[in-house]
Amino acid sequence: MMWWNQSRGRMFGLLLVLVLTGCQQSPQQKLIGRWYNDEMSIRFRADGRVLLFSRSGRAEGRYVFAETQSNNALSKAENLVLDVIRDGKPRRMIFDADFLGVDRLRLSDLTPQARRTTDPAPEFAILRRGVEAPVPATVAR
């Protein structure tokens, strides 16, 4: 009987590990959706398209996200690139994207023209995940 309890405990532990690791999203999957704060709203789509609204206006285009880990907590990695069109002009925006939990994202702007000469620290924004509204079911007529 003791053997049965030990085996059952091991099986439960193994099952728990498989369930927890199988349910985790990749960083690319976690990025998908709407993120916003008082200054901006940005939507990342699974097909690589991005839509950005800010005080500078609307920008639309494509993004590439490659999650990288830095050896130094103070250094930034260029892991998110947006190639967008704003006001008819192409623009490349480079960020260090860092998840601060399941519903917070820090974007540090590493775009060369965004860097300030008096303060070498990059500008950043903390965004929260938007709640996606359910898509209403269409009624058959």
C-alpha atoms as a PDB file:
ATOM      1  CA  MET A   1       0.000   0.000   0.000  1.00  0.00           C
ATOM      2  CA  MET A   2       2.871   2.370   0.797  1.00  0.00           C
ATOM      3  CA  TRP A   3       4.331   1.720  -2.661  1.00  0.00           C
ATOM      4  CA  TRP A   4       1.000   2.753  -4.231  1.00  0.00           C
ATOM      5  CA  ASN A   5       0.932   6.100  -2.336  1.00  0.00           C
ATOM      6  CA  GLN A   6       4.532   6.924  -3.317  1.00  0.00           C
ATOM      7  CA  SER A   7       3.889   6.083  -6.982  1.00  0.00           C
ATOM      8  CA  ARG A   8       0.712   8.104  -7.003  1.00  0.00           C
ATOM      9  CA  GLY A   9       2.548  11.062  -5.433  1.00  0.00           C
ATOM     10  CA  ARG A  10       5.307  10.896  -8.071  1.00  0.00           C
ATOM     11  CA  MET A  11       2.763  10.611 -10.878  1.00  0.00           C
ATOM     12  CA  PHE A  12       0.862  13.627  -9.530  1.00  0.00           C
ATOM     13  CA  GLY A  13       4.097  15.637  -9.299  1.00  0.00           C
ATOM     14  CA  LEU A  14       5.069  14.728 -12.854  1.00  0.00           C
ATOM     15  CA  LEU A  15       1.594  15.573 -14.131  1.00  0.00           C
ATOM     16  CA  LEU A  16       1.689  18.933 -12.333  1.00  0.00           C
ATOM     17  CA  VAL A  17       5.059  19.809 -13.908  1.00  0.00           C
ATOM     18  CA  LEU A  18       3.791  18.872 -17.382  1.00  0.00           C
ATOM     19  CA  VAL A  19       0.616  20.910 -16.985  1.00  0.00           C
ATOM     20  CA  LEU A  20       2.423  23.989 -15.685  1.00  0.00           C
ATOM     21  CA  THR A  21       5.121  23.965 -18.352  1.00  0.00           C
ATOM     22  CA  GLY A  22       2.643  23.186 -21.123  1.00  0.00           C
ATOM     23  CA  CYS A  23       0.439  26.153 -20.213  1.00  0.00           C
ATOM     24  CA  GLN A  24       3.204  28.745 -20.258  1.00  0.00           C
ATOM     25  CA  GLN A  25       3.180  31.182 -23.149  1.00  0.00           C
ATOM     26  CA  SER A  26       6.282  32.092 -25.078  1.00  0.00           C
ATOM     27  CA  PRO A  27       7.366  35.756 -24.870  1.00  0.00           C
ATOM     28  CA  GLN A  28       6.124  36.196 -28.449  1.00  0.00           C
ATOM     29  CA  GLN A  29       2.679  34.911 -27.450  1.00  0.00           C
ATOM     30  CA  LYS A  30       2.608  37.130 -24.344  1.00  0.00           C
ATOM     31  CA  LEU A  31       3.240  40.221 -26.480  1.00  0.00           C
ATOM     32  CA  ILE A  32       0.142  39.658 -28.652  1.00  0.00           C
ATOM     33  CA  GLY A  33      -2.749  41.967 -27.805  1.00  0.00           C
ATOM     34  CA  ARG A  34      -3.345  45.557 -26.737  1.00  0.00           C
ATOM     35  CA  TRP A  35      -1.038  47.428 -24.340  1.00  0.00           C
ATOM     36  CA  TYR A  36      -1.696  50.978 -23.168  1.00  0.00           C
ATOM     37  CA  ASN A  37      -1.029  53.825 -20.735  1.00  0.00           C
ATOM     38  CA  ASP A  38      -2.058  57.504 -20.617  1.00  0.00           C
ATOM     39  CA  GLU A  39       0.354  58.374 -23.443  1.00  0.00           C
ATOM     40  CA  MET A  40      -0.085  55.584 -25.964  1.00  0.00           C
ATOM     41  CA  SER A  41      -1.902  52.452 -27.060  1.00  0.00           C
ATOM     42  CA  ILE A  42      -0.217  49.723 -29.071  1.00  0.00           C
ATOM     43  CA  ARG A  43      -1.678  46.524 -30.494  1.00  0.00           C
ATOM     44  CA  PHE A  44       0.527  43.604 -31.527  1.00  0.00           C
ATOM     45  CA  ARG A  45      -1.122  41.041 -33.803  1.00  0.00           C
ATOM     46  CA  ALA A  46      -0.096  37.425 -34.211  1.00  0.00           C
ATOM     47  CA  ASP A  47       0.586  37.949 -37.935  1.00  0.00           C
ATOM     48  CA  GLY A  48       3.344  40.505 -37.218  1.00  0.00           C
ATOM     49  CA  ARG A  49       1.286  43.664 -37.747  1.00  0.00           C
ATOM     50  CA  VAL A  50       1.318  46.509 -35.242  1.00  0.00           C
ATOM     51  CA  LEU A  51      -0.943  49.503 -34.699  1.00  0.00           C
ATOM     52  CA  LEU A  52       0.237  52.380 -32.506  1.00  0.00           C
ATOM     53  CA  PHE A  53      -1.695  55.417 -31.284  1.00  0.00           C
ATOM     54  CA  SER A  54       0.122  58.202 -29.425  1.00  0.00           C
ATOM     55  CA  ARG A  55       0.161  61.983 -29.190  1.00  0.00           C
ATOM     56  CA  SER A  56       2.329  61.928 -32.318  1.00  0.00           C
ATOM     57  CA  GLY A  57      -0.531  60.306 -34.223  1.00  0.00           C
ATOM     58  CA  ARG A  58      -1.379  56.921 -35.648  1.00  0.00           C
ATOM     59  CA  ALA A  59       1.332  54.583 -36.919  1.00  0.00           C
ATOM     60  CA  GLU A  60       0.815  51.252 -38.617  1.00  0.00           C
ATOM     61  CA  GLY A  61       3.240  48.626 -39.838  1.00  0.00           C
ATOM     62  CA  ARG A  62       5.083  45.455 -38.856  1.00  0.00           C
ATOM     63  CA  TYR A  63       7.102  44.354 -35.850  1.00  0.00           C
ATOM     64  CA  VAL A  64       9.761  41.791 -35.002  1.00  0.00           C
ATOM     65  CA  PHE A  65      10.157  40.576 -31.418  1.00  0.00           C
ATOM     66  CA  ALA A  66      13.042  38.362 -30.357  1.00  0.00           C
ATOM     67  CA  GLU A  67      13.117  37.860 -26.592  1.00  0.00           C
ATOM     68  CA  THR A  68      16.689  38.055 -25.319  1.00  0.00           C
ATOM     69  CA  GLN A  69      18.069  37.953 -21.820  1.00  0.00           C
ATOM     70  CA  SER A  70      20.730  40.415 -20.753  1.00  0.00           C
ATOM     71  CA  ASN A  71      23.541  39.420 -18.407  1.00  0.00           C
ATOM     72  CA  ASN A  72      23.328  42.819 -16.723  1.00  0.00           C
ATOM     73  CA  ALA A  73      20.051  44.138 -15.291  1.00  0.00           C
ATOM     74  CA  LEU A  74      21.084  47.695 -16.225  1.00  0.00           C
ATOM     75  CA  SER A  75      21.866  46.971 -19.874  1.00  0.00           C
ATOM     76  CA  LYS A  76      19.144  47.029 -22.502  1.00  0.00           C
ATOM     77  CA  ALA A  77      18.642  44.610 -25.378  1.00  0.00           C
ATOM     78  CA  GLU A  78      17.220  45.715 -28.728  1.00  0.00           C
ATOM     79  CA  ASN A  79      14.599  42.971 -28.858  1.00  0.00           C
ATOM     80  CA  LEU A  80      11.585  44.759 -30.389  1.00  0.00           C
ATOM     81  CA  VAL A  81      11.695  46.566 -33.732  1.00  0.00           C
ATOM     82  CA  LEU A  82       8.728  48.371 -35.252  1.00  0.00           C
ATOM     83  CA  ASP A  83       8.796  49.405 -38.912  1.00  0.00           C
ATOM     84  CA  VAL A  84       5.811  51.718 -39.202  1.00  0.00           C
ATOM     85  CA  ILE A  85       4.333  54.433 -41.398  1.00  0.00           C
ATOM     86  CA  ARG A  86       3.294  57.643 -39.634  1.00  0.00           C
ATOM     87  CA  ASP A  87       1.976  60.624 -41.600  1.00  0.00           C
ATOM     88  CA  GLY A  88       3.052  58.923 -44.830  1.00  0.00           C
ATOM     89  CA  LYS A  89       6.683  58.616 -43.659  1.00  0.00           C
ATOM     90  CA  PRO A  90       8.458  55.359 -42.791  1.00  0.00           C
ATOM     91  CA  ARG A  91       9.957  55.162 -39.330  1.00  0.00           C
ATOM     92  CA  ARG A  92      11.933  52.497 -37.495  1.00  0.00           C
ATOM     93  CA  MET A  93      11.434  52.331 -33.737  1.00  0.00           C
ATOM     94  CA  ILE A  94      13.712  50.183 -31.571  1.00  0.00           C
ATOM     95  CA  PHE A  95      12.829  49.085 -28.045  1.00  0.00           C
ATOM     96  CA  ASP A  96      13.901  46.891 -25.198  1.00  0.00           C
ATOM     97  CA  ALA A  97      10.669  45.120 -24.231  1.00  0.00           C
ATOM     98  CA  ASP A  98      10.627  43.648 -20.745  1.00  0.00           C
ATOM     99  CA  PHE A  99       7.644  41.880 -19.152  1.00  0.00           C
ATOM    100  CA  LEU A 100       7.122  43.022 -15.563  1.00  0.00           C
ATOM    101  CA  GLY A 101       4.424  40.448 -14.896  1.00  0.00           C
ATOM    102  CA  VAL A 102       1.488  38.998 -16.767  1.00  0.00           C
ATOM    103  CA  ASP A 103      -0.136  42.388 -17.329  1.00  0.00           C
ATOM    104  CA  ARG A 104       2.733  44.922 -17.384  1.00  0.00           C
ATOM    105  CA  LEU A 105       5.247  45.665 -20.132  1.00  0.00           C
ATOM    106  CA  ARG A 106       8.154  48.113 -19.987  1.00  0.00           C
ATOM    107  CA  LEU A 107       9.227  49.557 -23.343  1.00  0.00           C
ATOM    108  CA  SER A 108      12.576  51.350 -23.233  1.00  0.00           C
ATOM    109  CA  ASP A 109      13.052  53.474 -26.350  1.00  0.00           C
ATOM    110  CA  LEU A 110      16.443  52.694 -27.892  1.00  0.00           C
ATOM    111  CA  THR A 111      15.781  54.443 -31.193  1.00  0.00           C
ATOM    112  CA  PRO A 112      18.968  56.482 -31.864  1.00  0.00           C
ATOM    113  CA  GLN A 113      17.227  59.867 -32.295  1.00  0.00           C
ATOM    114  CA  ALA A 114      15.284  59.289 -29.072  1.00  0.00           C
ATOM    115  CA  ARG A 115      18.451  59.160 -26.968  1.00  0.00           C
ATOM    116  CA  ARG A 116      19.207  62.351 -25.132  1.00  0.00           C
ATOM    117  CA  THR A 117      22.756  63.715 -25.063  1.00  0.00           C
ATOM    118  CA  THR A 118      22.440  65.150 -21.534  1.00  0.00           C
ATOM    119  CA  ASP A 119      20.956  61.987 -20.026  1.00  0.00           C
ATOM    120  CA  PRO A 120      22.205  58.701 -21.529  1.00  0.00           C
ATOM    121  CA  ALA A 121      19.399  56.668 -19.920  1.00  0.00           C
ATOM    122  CA  PRO A 122      16.773  55.694 -22.497  1.00  0.00           C
ATOM    123  CA  GLU A 123      13.206  56.880 -22.117  1.00  0.00           C
ATOM    124  CA  PHE A 124      10.711  54.212 -21.180  1.00  0.00           C
ATOM    125  CA  ALA A 125       7.005  53.594 -20.768  1.00  0.00           C
ATOM    126  CA  ILE A 126       5.165  51.153 -18.555  1.00  0.00           C
ATOM    127  CA  LEU A 127       2.133  49.720 -20.331  1.00  0.00           C
ATOM    128  CA  ARG A 128      -0.671  47.572 -18.993  1.00  0.00           C
ATOM    129  CA  ARG A 129      -2.417  44.833 -20.913  1.00  0.00           C
ATOM    130  CA  GLY A 130      -5.786  45.772 -22.317  1.00  0.00           C
ATOM    131  CA  VAL A 131      -8.717  43.488 -21.796  1.00  0.00           C
ATOM    132  CA  GLU A 132      -9.904  42.180 -25.136  1.00  0.00           C
ATOM    133  CA  ALA A 133     -13.632  42.621 -25.606  1.00  0.00           C
ATOM    134  CA  PRO A 134     -15.389  39.425 -26.606  1.00  0.00           C
ATOM    135  CA  VAL A 135     -16.407  39.299 -30.242  1.00  0.00           C
ATOM    136  CA  PRO A 136     -20.199  39.110 -30.436  1.00  0.00           C
ATOM    137  CA  ALA A 137     -21.568  36.054 -32.159  1.00  0.00           C
ATOM    138  CA  THR A 138     -23.287  36.757 -35.436  1.00  0.00           C
ATOM    139  CA  VAL A 139     -26.942  35.919 -35.568  1.00  0.00           C
ATOM    140  CA  ALA A 140     -28.004  33.693 -38.449  1.00  0.00           C
ATOM    141  CA  ARG A 141     -30.966  35.083 -40.355  1.00  0.00           C
END
